[in-house]
Amino acid sequence: MGKLLRDINRPTIRKRLESLHNELTKHNSYFIEISNESKQYLQTLQTSVPDSLQHTLFLYEDAQFSIRTVLDSKIYLQGFKDALYLFNELHISKN
């Protein structure tokens, strides 16, 4: 049952995360400001790092992106599981 629930909800979770990301990037001024600062810092790093380490910097950026993606999915999935649990608890207590 748990695997079936995970498989069913993955596309839903992905769509919700994309929706949340779009909302943040278009309407949240704090997120936009921090994101722009992050881009500036990364650009400074890229221009400062010697050519011999550019590939390592790229791998680091890629790993950081992967970590954020996994964390986002896990956090959202846990929230979804918690909501289902609470819904079931409320349903059981009403009966």
PDB file of N, CA and C in Angstrom:
ATOM      1  N   MET A   1       0.820  -1.197   0.000  1.00  0.00           N
ATOM      2  CA  MET A   1       0.000   0.000   0.000  1.00  0.00           C
ATOM      3  C   MET A   1       0.863   1.259   0.000  1.00  0.00           C
ATOM      4  N   GLY A   2       1.923   1.289   0.811  1.00  0.00           N
ATOM      5  CA  GLY A   2       2.786   2.460   0.884  1.00  0.00           C
ATOM      6  C   GLY A   2       3.445   2.770  -0.446  1.00  0.00           C
ATOM      7  N   LYS A   3       3.947   1.720  -1.133  1.00  0.00           N
ATOM      8  CA  LYS A   3       4.596   1.926  -2.430  1.00  0.00           C
ATOM      9  C   LYS A   3       3.585   2.446  -3.444  1.00  0.00           C
ATOM     10  N   LEU A   4       2.390   1.889  -3.435  1.00  0.00           N
ATOM     11  CA  LEU A   4       1.347   2.340  -4.353  1.00  0.00           C
ATOM     12  C   LEU A   4       1.040   3.817  -4.114  1.00  0.00           C
ATOM     13  N   LEU A   5       0.926   4.203  -2.855  1.00  0.00           N
ATOM     14  CA  LEU A   5       0.655   5.598  -2.507  1.00  0.00           C
ATOM     15  C   LEU A   5       1.776   6.506  -2.999  1.00  0.00           C
ATOM     16  N   ARG A   6       3.023   6.094  -2.810  1.00  0.00           N
ATOM     17  CA  ARG A   6       4.162   6.895  -3.285  1.00  0.00           C
ATOM     18  C   ARG A   6       4.130   7.033  -4.799  1.00  0.00           C
ATOM     19  N   ASP A   7       3.857   5.919  -5.501  1.00  0.00           N
ATOM     20  CA  ASP A   7       3.853   5.951  -6.960  1.00  0.00           C
ATOM     21  C   ASP A   7       2.739   6.833  -7.507  1.00  0.00           C
ATOM     22  N   ILE A   8       1.593   6.806  -6.854  1.00  0.00           N
ATOM     23  CA  ILE A   8       0.464   7.617  -7.300  1.00  0.00           C
ATOM     24  C   ILE A   8       0.745   9.101  -7.082  1.00  0.00           C
ATOM     25  N   ASN A   9       1.382   9.427  -5.978  1.00  0.00           N
ATOM     26  CA  ASN A   9       1.543  10.823  -5.587  1.00  0.00           C
ATOM     27  C   ASN A   9       2.761  11.511  -6.177  1.00  0.00           C
ATOM     28  N   ARG A  10       3.696  10.800  -6.754  1.00  0.00           N
ATOM     29  CA  ARG A  10       4.902  11.451  -7.277  1.00  0.00           C
ATOM     30  C   ARG A  10       4.594  12.521  -8.321  1.00  0.00           C
ATOM     31  N   PRO A  11       3.746  12.239  -9.333  1.00  0.00           N
ATOM     32  CA  PRO A  11       3.435  13.315 -10.288  1.00  0.00           C
ATOM     33  C   PRO A  11       2.725  14.492  -9.615  1.00  0.00           C
ATOM     34  N   THR A  12       1.862  14.208  -8.661  1.00  0.00           N
ATOM     35  CA  THR A  12       1.160  15.265  -7.931  1.00  0.00           C
ATOM     36  C   THR A  12       2.147  16.120  -7.158  1.00  0.00           C
ATOM     37  N   ILE A  13       3.081  15.481  -6.498  1.00  0.00           N
ATOM     38  CA  ILE A  13       4.093  16.197  -5.723  1.00  0.00           C
ATOM     39  C   ILE A  13       4.954  17.049  -6.644  1.00  0.00           C
ATOM     40  N   ARG A  14       5.371  16.483  -7.761  1.00  0.00           N
ATOM     41  CA  ARG A  14       6.203  17.229  -8.714  1.00  0.00           C
ATOM     42  C   ARG A  14       5.460  18.478  -9.201  1.00  0.00           C
ATOM     43  N   LYS A  15       4.184  18.320  -9.551  1.00  0.00           N
ATOM     44  CA  LYS A  15       3.400  19.462 -10.026  1.00  0.00           C
ATOM     45  C   LYS A  15       3.265  20.518  -8.934  1.00  0.00           C
ATOM     46  N   ARG A  16       3.037  20.078  -7.696  1.00  0.00           N
ATOM     47  CA  ARG A  16       2.885  21.025  -6.588  1.00  0.00           C
ATOM     48  C   ARG A  16       4.194  21.770  -6.326  1.00  0.00           C
ATOM     49  N   LEU A  17       5.312  21.066  -6.364  1.00  0.00           N
ATOM     50  CA  LEU A  17       6.603  21.724  -6.164  1.00  0.00           C
ATOM     51  C   LEU A  17       6.878  22.740  -7.266  1.00  0.00           C
ATOM     52  N   GLU A  18       6.547  22.381  -8.502  1.00  0.00           N
ATOM     53  CA  GLU A  18       6.736  23.311  -9.613  1.00  0.00           C
ATOM     54  C   GLU A  18       5.854  24.541  -9.433  1.00  0.00           C
ATOM     55  N   SER A  19       4.627  24.324  -8.984  1.00  0.00           N
ATOM     56  CA  SER A  19       3.706  25.430  -8.737  1.00  0.00           C
ATOM     57  C   SER A  19       4.229  26.350  -7.633  1.00  0.00           C
ATOM     58  N   LEU A  20       4.709  25.756  -6.539  1.00  0.00           N
ATOM     59  CA  LEU A  20       5.270  26.547  -5.445  1.00  0.00           C
ATOM     60  C   LEU A  20       6.494  27.333  -5.901  1.00  0.00           C
ATOM     61  N   HIS A  21       7.347  26.685  -6.688  1.00  0.00           N
ATOM     62  CA  HIS A  21       8.551  27.351  -7.193  1.00  0.00           C
ATOM     63  C   HIS A  21       8.173  28.530  -8.083  1.00  0.00           C
ATOM     64  N   ASN A  22       7.214  28.322  -8.974  1.00  0.00           N
ATOM     65  CA  ASN A  22       6.780  29.410  -9.849  1.00  0.00           C
ATOM     66  C   ASN A  22       6.203  30.568  -9.044  1.00  0.00           C
ATOM     67  N   GLU A  23       5.432  30.264  -8.021  1.00  0.00           N
ATOM     68  CA  GLU A  23       4.868  31.302  -7.156  1.00  0.00           C
ATOM     69  C   GLU A  23       5.984  32.102  -6.476  1.00  0.00           C
ATOM     70  N   LEU A  24       6.979  31.397  -5.951  1.00  0.00           N
ATOM     71  CA  LEU A  24       8.097  32.078  -5.290  1.00  0.00           C
ATOM     72  C   LEU A  24       8.882  32.954  -6.258  1.00  0.00           C
ATOM     73  N   THR A  25       9.217  32.412  -7.412  1.00  0.00           N
ATOM     74  CA  THR A  25      10.085  33.136  -8.347  1.00  0.00           C
ATOM     75  C   THR A  25       9.401  34.331  -8.996  1.00  0.00           C
ATOM     76  N   LYS A  26       8.083  34.357  -8.988  1.00  0.00           N
ATOM     77  CA  LYS A  26       7.374  35.463  -9.634  1.00  0.00           C
ATOM     78  C   LYS A  26       6.810  36.489  -8.656  1.00  0.00           C
ATOM     79  N   HIS A  27       6.521  36.072  -7.414  1.00  0.00           N
ATOM     80  CA  HIS A  27       5.772  36.965  -6.531  1.00  0.00           C
ATOM     81  C   HIS A  27       6.379  37.192  -5.149  1.00  0.00           C
ATOM     82  N   ASN A  28       7.407  36.470  -4.778  1.00  0.00           N
ATOM     83  CA  ASN A  28       7.971  36.619  -3.436  1.00  0.00           C
ATOM     84  C   ASN A  28       9.238  37.465  -3.527  1.00  0.00           C
ATOM     85  N   SER A  29       9.145  38.722  -3.097  1.00  0.00           N
ATOM     86  CA  SER A  29      10.268  39.647  -3.267  1.00  0.00           C
ATOM     87  C   SER A  29      11.511  39.201  -2.493  1.00  0.00           C
ATOM     88  N   TYR A  30      11.321  38.619  -1.316  1.00  0.00           N
ATOM     89  CA  TYR A  30      12.473  38.151  -0.541  1.00  0.00           C
ATOM     90  C   TYR A  30      13.186  37.017  -1.279  1.00  0.00           C
ATOM     91  N   PHE A  31      12.423  36.062  -1.797  1.00  0.00           N
ATOM     92  CA  PHE A  31      13.010  34.952  -2.552  1.00  0.00           C
ATOM     93  C   PHE A  31      13.748  35.476  -3.778  1.00  0.00           C
ATOM     94  N   ILE A  32      13.138  36.413  -4.479  1.00  0.00           N
ATOM     95  CA  ILE A  32      13.755  36.975  -5.683  1.00  0.00           C
ATOM     96  C   ILE A  32      15.070  37.669  -5.333  1.00  0.00           C
ATOM     97  N   GLU A  33      15.065  38.431  -4.239  1.00  0.00           N
ATOM     98  CA  GLU A  33      16.281  39.127  -3.802  1.00  0.00           C
ATOM     99  C   GLU A  33      17.393  38.138  -3.454  1.00  0.00           C
ATOM    100  N   ILE A  34      17.072  37.126  -2.662  1.00  0.00           N
ATOM    101  CA  ILE A  34      18.067  36.117  -2.269  1.00  0.00           C
ATOM    102  C   ILE A  34      18.562  35.347  -3.489  1.00  0.00           C
ATOM    103  N   SER A  35      17.665  35.031  -4.381  1.00  0.00           N
ATOM    104  CA  SER A  35      18.038  34.305  -5.595  1.00  0.00           C
ATOM    105  C   SER A  35      19.004  35.128  -6.445  1.00  0.00           C
ATOM    106  N   ASN A  36      18.722  36.411  -6.586  1.00  0.00           N
ATOM    107  CA  ASN A  36      19.616  37.283  -7.358  1.00  0.00           C
ATOM    108  C   ASN A  36      20.983  37.399  -6.697  1.00  0.00           C
ATOM    109  N   GLU A  37      21.009  37.518  -5.376  1.00  0.00           N
ATOM    110  CA  GLU A  37      22.288  37.565  -4.656  1.00  0.00           C
ATOM    111  C   GLU A  37      23.073  36.275  -4.877  1.00  0.00           C
ATOM    112  N   SER A  38      22.382  35.161  -4.794  1.00  0.00           N
ATOM    113  CA  SER A  38      23.029  33.862  -4.990  1.00  0.00           C
ATOM    114  C   SER A  38      23.649  33.770  -6.382  1.00  0.00           C
ATOM    115  N   LYS A  39      22.917  34.237  -7.384  1.00  0.00           N
ATOM    116  CA  LYS A  39      23.440  34.224  -8.754  1.00  0.00           C
ATOM    117  C   LYS A  39      24.692  35.094  -8.876  1.00  0.00           C
ATOM    118  N   GLN A  40      24.666  36.256  -8.222  1.00  0.00           N
ATOM    119  CA  GLN A  40      25.833  37.143  -8.261  1.00  0.00           C
ATOM    120  C   GLN A  40      27.043  36.491  -7.596  1.00  0.00           C
ATOM    121  N   TYR A  41      26.821  35.846  -6.442  1.00  0.00           N
ATOM    122  CA  TYR A  41      27.920  35.172  -5.749  1.00  0.00           C
ATOM    123  C   TYR A  41      28.484  34.042  -6.601  1.00  0.00           C
ATOM    124  N   LEU A  42      27.599  33.284  -7.224  1.00  0.00           N
ATOM    125  CA  LEU A  42      28.047  32.182  -8.066  1.00  0.00           C
ATOM    126  C   LEU A  42      28.841  32.709  -9.257  1.00  0.00           C
ATOM    127  N   GLN A  43      28.359  33.784  -9.844  1.00  0.00           N
ATOM    128  CA  GLN A  43      29.073  34.375 -10.977  1.00  0.00           C
ATOM    129  C   GLN A  43      30.467  34.845 -10.553  1.00  0.00           C
ATOM    130  N   THR A  44      30.559  35.438  -9.371  1.00  0.00           N
ATOM    131  CA  THR A  44      31.858  35.867  -8.844  1.00  0.00           C
ATOM    132  C   THR A  44      32.777  34.668  -8.647  1.00  0.00           C
ATOM    133  N   LEU A  45      32.229  33.599  -8.084  1.00  0.00           N
ATOM    134  CA  LEU A  45      33.029  32.375  -7.904  1.00  0.00           C
ATOM    135  C   LEU A  45      33.513  31.831  -9.243  1.00  0.00           C
ATOM    136  N   GLN A  46      32.603  31.773 -10.216  1.00  0.00           N
ATOM    137  CA  GLN A  46      32.958  31.210 -11.519  1.00  0.00           C
ATOM    138  C   GLN A  46      34.076  31.997 -12.191  1.00  0.00           C
ATOM    139  N   THR A  47      34.043  33.303 -12.053  1.00  0.00           N
ATOM    140  CA  THR A  47      35.097  34.104 -12.685  1.00  0.00           C
ATOM    141  C   THR A  47      36.398  34.075 -11.888  1.00  0.00           C
ATOM    142  N   SER A  48      36.306  33.781 -10.590  1.00  0.00           N
ATOM    143  CA  SER A  48      37.500  33.768  -9.731  1.00  0.00           C
ATOM    144  C   SER A  48      38.216  32.426  -9.708  1.00  0.00           C
ATOM    145  N   VAL A  49      37.490  31.367  -9.954  1.00  0.00           N
ATOM    146  CA  VAL A  49      38.069  30.022  -9.871  1.00  0.00           C
ATOM    147  C   VAL A  49      38.915  29.761 -11.114  1.00  0.00           C
ATOM    148  N   PRO A  50      40.107  29.222 -10.931  1.00  0.00           N
ATOM    149  CA  PRO A  50      40.959  28.911 -12.087  1.00  0.00           C
ATOM    150  C   PRO A  50      40.287  27.893 -13.018  1.00  0.00           C
ATOM    151  N   ASP A  51      40.668  27.946 -14.272  1.00  0.00           N
ATOM    152  CA  ASP A  51      40.092  27.038 -15.266  1.00  0.00           C
ATOM    153  C   ASP A  51      40.199  25.577 -14.852  1.00  0.00           C
ATOM    154  N   SER A  52      41.273  25.231 -14.181  1.00  0.00           N
ATOM    155  CA  SER A  52      41.482  23.832 -13.789  1.00  0.00           C
ATOM    156  C   SER A  52      40.439  23.354 -12.774  1.00  0.00           C
ATOM    157  N   LEU A  53      39.756  24.292 -12.101  1.00  0.00           N
ATOM    158  CA  LEU A  53      38.752  23.914 -11.099  1.00  0.00           C
ATOM    159  C   LEU A  53      37.315  24.204 -11.544  1.00  0.00           C
ATOM    160  N   GLN A  54      37.135  24.685 -12.757  1.00  0.00           N
ATOM    161  CA  GLN A  54      35.788  25.003 -13.235  1.00  0.00           C
ATOM    162  C   GLN A  54      34.885  23.773 -13.248  1.00  0.00           C
ATOM    163  N   HIS A  55      35.424  22.645 -13.668  1.00  0.00           N
ATOM    164  CA  HIS A  55      34.614  21.424 -13.704  1.00  0.00           C
ATOM    165  C   HIS A  55      34.210  21.006 -12.289  1.00  0.00           C
ATOM    166  N   THR A  56      35.109  21.143 -11.341  1.00  0.00           N
ATOM    167  CA  THR A  56      34.799  20.822  -9.944  1.00  0.00           C
ATOM    168  C   THR A  56      33.702  21.743  -9.423  1.00  0.00           C
ATOM    169  N   LEU A  57      33.759  23.013  -9.771  1.00  0.00           N
ATOM    170  CA  LEU A  57      32.717  23.955  -9.366  1.00  0.00           C
ATOM    171  C   LEU A  57      31.371  23.561  -9.973  1.00  0.00           C
ATOM    172  N   PHE A  58      31.391  23.153 -11.228  1.00  0.00           N
ATOM    173  CA  PHE A  58      30.166  22.690 -11.879  1.00  0.00           C
ATOM    174  C   PHE A  58      29.593  21.476 -11.151  1.00  0.00           C
ATOM    175  N   LEU A  59      30.439  20.519 -10.812  1.00  0.00           N
ATOM    176  CA  LEU A  59      29.979  19.328 -10.092  1.00  0.00           C
ATOM    177  C   LEU A  59      29.402  19.698  -8.729  1.00  0.00           C
ATOM    178  N   TYR A  60      30.018  20.653  -8.064  1.00  0.00           N
ATOM    179  CA  TYR A  60      29.512  21.124  -6.773  1.00  0.00           C
ATOM    180  C   TYR A  60      28.114  21.736  -6.931  1.00  0.00           C
ATOM    181  N   GLU A  61      27.950  22.598  -7.930  1.00  0.00           N
ATOM    182  CA  GLU A  61      26.640  23.213  -8.185  1.00  0.00           C
ATOM    183  C   GLU A  61      25.592  22.144  -8.475  1.00  0.00           C
ATOM    184  N   ASP A  62      25.955  21.167  -9.278  1.00  0.00           N
ATOM    185  CA  ASP A  62      25.041  20.089  -9.633  1.00  0.00           C
ATOM    186  C   ASP A  62      24.642  19.283  -8.399  1.00  0.00           C
ATOM    187  N   ALA A  63      25.602  18.995  -7.543  1.00  0.00           N
ATOM    188  CA  ALA A  63      25.311  18.246  -6.317  1.00  0.00           C
ATOM    189  C   ALA A  63      24.392  19.051  -5.399  1.00  0.00           C
ATOM    190  N   GLN A  64      24.623  20.351  -5.285  1.00  0.00           N
ATOM    191  CA  GLN A  64      23.764  21.196  -4.449  1.00  0.00           C
ATOM    192  C   GLN A  64      22.331  21.221  -4.982  1.00  0.00           C
ATOM    193  N   PHE A  65      22.191  21.305  -6.284  1.00  0.00           N
ATOM    194  CA  PHE A  65      20.864  21.287  -6.897  1.00  0.00           C
ATOM    195  C   PHE A  65      20.163  19.959  -6.619  1.00  0.00           C
ATOM    196  N   SER A  66      20.893  18.862  -6.738  1.00  0.00           N
ATOM    197  CA  SER A  66      20.317  17.540  -6.472  1.00  0.00           C
ATOM    198  C   SER A  66      19.876  17.409  -5.020  1.00  0.00           C
ATOM    199  N   ILE A  67      20.682  17.920  -4.109  1.00  0.00           N
ATOM    200  CA  ILE A  67      20.326  17.874  -2.684  1.00  0.00           C
ATOM    201  C   ILE A  67      19.032  18.644  -2.444  1.00  0.00           C
ATOM    202  N   ARG A  68      18.933  19.832  -3.012  1.00  0.00           N
ATOM    203  CA  ARG A  68      17.714  20.641  -2.827  1.00  0.00           C
ATOM    204  C   ARG A  68      16.499  19.935  -3.402  1.00  0.00           C
ATOM    205  N   THR A  69      16.658  19.298  -4.550  1.00  0.00           N
ATOM    206  CA  THR A  69      15.546  18.598  -5.178  1.00  0.00           C
ATOM    207  C   THR A  69      15.063  17.450  -4.306  1.00  0.00           C
ATOM    208  N   VAL A  70      15.990  16.664  -3.785  1.00  0.00           N
ATOM    209  CA  VAL A  70      15.626  15.544  -2.906  1.00  0.00           C
ATOM    210  C   VAL A  70      14.946  16.061  -1.644  1.00  0.00           C
ATOM    211  N   LEU A  71      15.504  17.091  -1.034  1.00  0.00           N
ATOM    212  CA  LEU A  71      14.907  17.658   0.181  1.00  0.00           C
ATOM    213  C   LEU A  71      13.499  18.175  -0.077  1.00  0.00           C
ATOM    214  N   ASP A  72      13.306  18.902  -1.168  1.00  0.00           N
ATOM    215  CA  ASP A  72      11.973  19.420  -1.492  1.00  0.00           C
ATOM    216  C   ASP A  72      10.959  18.294  -1.611  1.00  0.00           C
ATOM    217  N   SER A  73      11.327  17.264  -2.352  1.00  0.00           N
ATOM    218  CA  SER A  73      10.414  16.139  -2.547  1.00  0.00           C
ATOM    219  C   SER A  73      10.109  15.427  -1.241  1.00  0.00           C
ATOM    220  N   LYS A  74      11.134  15.174  -0.445  1.00  0.00           N
ATOM    221  CA  LYS A  74      10.942  14.464   0.827  1.00  0.00           C
ATOM    222  C   LYS A  74      10.088  15.278   1.796  1.00  0.00           C
ATOM    223  N   ILE A  75      10.344  16.574   1.874  1.00  0.00           N
ATOM    224  CA  ILE A  75       9.573  17.433   2.774  1.00  0.00           C
ATOM    225  C   ILE A  75       8.111  17.458   2.346  1.00  0.00           C
ATOM    226  N   TYR A  76       7.866  17.623   1.056  1.00  0.00           N
ATOM    227  CA  TYR A  76       6.487  17.670   0.578  1.00  0.00           C
ATOM    228  C   TYR A  76       5.799  16.330   0.781  1.00  0.00           C
ATOM    229  N   LEU A  77       6.493  15.244   0.474  1.00  0.00           N
ATOM    230  CA  LEU A  77       5.909  13.913   0.651  1.00  0.00           C
ATOM    231  C   LEU A  77       5.570  13.660   2.113  1.00  0.00           C
ATOM    232  N   GLN A  78       6.451  14.065   3.018  1.00  0.00           N
ATOM    233  CA  GLN A  78       6.165  13.886   4.442  1.00  0.00           C
ATOM    234  C   GLN A  78       4.947  14.712   4.854  1.00  0.00           C
ATOM    235  N   GLY A  79       4.835  15.906   4.344  1.00  0.00           N
ATOM    236  CA  GLY A  79       3.658  16.729   4.634  1.00  0.00           C
ATOM    237  C   GLY A  79       2.387  16.086   4.126  1.00  0.00           C
ATOM    238  N   PHE A  80       2.460  15.484   2.951  1.00  0.00           N
ATOM    239  CA  PHE A  80       1.303  14.794   2.384  1.00  0.00           C
ATOM    240  C   PHE A  80       0.927  13.589   3.242  1.00  0.00           C
ATOM    241  N   LYS A  81       1.929  12.824   3.672  1.00  0.00           N
ATOM    242  CA  LYS A  81       1.671  11.669   4.545  1.00  0.00           C
ATOM    243  C   LYS A  81       1.055  12.115   5.863  1.00  0.00           C
ATOM    244  N   ASP A  82       1.586  13.196   6.430  1.00  0.00           N
ATOM    245  CA  ASP A  82       1.045  13.714   7.688  1.00  0.00           C
ATOM    246  C   ASP A  82      -0.405  14.151   7.523  1.00  0.00           C
ATOM    247  N   ALA A  83      -0.703  14.806   6.401  1.00  0.00           N
ATOM    248  CA  ALA A  83      -2.077  15.244   6.144  1.00  0.00           C
ATOM    249  C   ALA A  83      -3.013  14.046   6.019  1.00  0.00           C
ATOM    250  N   LEU A  84      -2.576  12.999   5.324  1.00  0.00           N
ATOM    251  CA  LEU A  84      -3.404  11.791   5.209  1.00  0.00           C
ATOM    252  C   LEU A  84      -3.621  11.145   6.571  1.00  0.00           C
ATOM    253  N   TYR A  85      -2.574  11.089   7.373  1.00  0.00           N
ATOM    254  CA  TYR A  85      -2.678  10.509   8.710  1.00  0.00           C
ATOM    255  C   TYR A  85      -3.681  11.292   9.552  1.00  0.00           C
ATOM    256  N   LEU A  86      -3.561  12.617   9.542  1.00  0.00           N
ATOM    257  CA  LEU A  86      -4.486  13.444  10.316  1.00  0.00           C
ATOM    258  C   LEU A  86      -5.916  13.307   9.806  1.00  0.00           C
ATOM    259  N   PHE A  87      -6.077  13.251   8.503  1.00  0.00           N
ATOM    260  CA  PHE A  87      -7.407  13.062   7.928  1.00  0.00           C
ATOM    261  C   PHE A  87      -8.008  11.748   8.406  1.00  0.00           C
ATOM    262  N   ASN A  88      -7.208  10.679   8.367  1.00  0.00           N
ATOM    263  CA  ASN A  88      -7.696   9.375   8.831  1.00  0.00           C
ATOM    264  C   ASN A  88      -8.025   9.406  10.314  1.00  0.00           C
ATOM    265  N   GLU A  89      -7.187  10.058  11.115  1.00  0.00           N
ATOM    266  CA  GLU A  89      -7.447  10.158  12.553  1.00  0.00           C
ATOM    267  C   GLU A  89      -8.753  10.906  12.818  1.00  0.00           C
ATOM    268  N   LEU A  90      -8.974  11.991  12.102  1.00  0.00           N
ATOM    269  CA  LEU A  90     -10.213  12.748  12.276  1.00  0.00           C
ATOM    270  C   LEU A  90     -11.421  11.933  11.835  1.00  0.00           C
ATOM    271  N   HIS A  91     -11.261  11.211  10.739  1.00  0.00           N
ATOM    272  CA  HIS A  91     -12.352  10.381  10.227  1.00  0.00           C
ATOM    273  C   HIS A  91     -12.690   9.279  11.227  1.00  0.00           C
ATOM    274  N   ILE A  92     -11.659   8.648  11.791  1.00  0.00           N
ATOM    275  CA  ILE A  92     -11.868   7.573  12.769  1.00  0.00           C
ATOM    276  C   ILE A  92     -12.527   8.125  14.028  1.00  0.00           C
ATOM    277  N   SER A  93     -12.098   9.289  14.488  1.00  0.00           N
ATOM    278  CA  SER A  93     -12.647   9.842  15.732  1.00  0.00           C
ATOM    279  C   SER A  93     -14.099  10.282  15.568  1.00  0.00           C
ATOM    280  N   LYS A  94     -14.518  10.598  14.350  1.00  0.00           N
ATOM    281  CA  LYS A  94     -15.911  10.981  14.111  1.00  0.00           C
ATOM    282  C   LYS A  94     -16.831   9.770  14.125  1.00  0.00           C
ATOM    283  N   ASN A  95     -16.294   8.608  13.821  1.00  0.00           N
ATOM    284  CA  ASN A  95     -17.127   7.386  13.758  1.00  0.00           C
ATOM    285  C   ASN A  95     -17.189   6.686  15.059  1.00  0.00           C
TER     286      ASN A  95
END
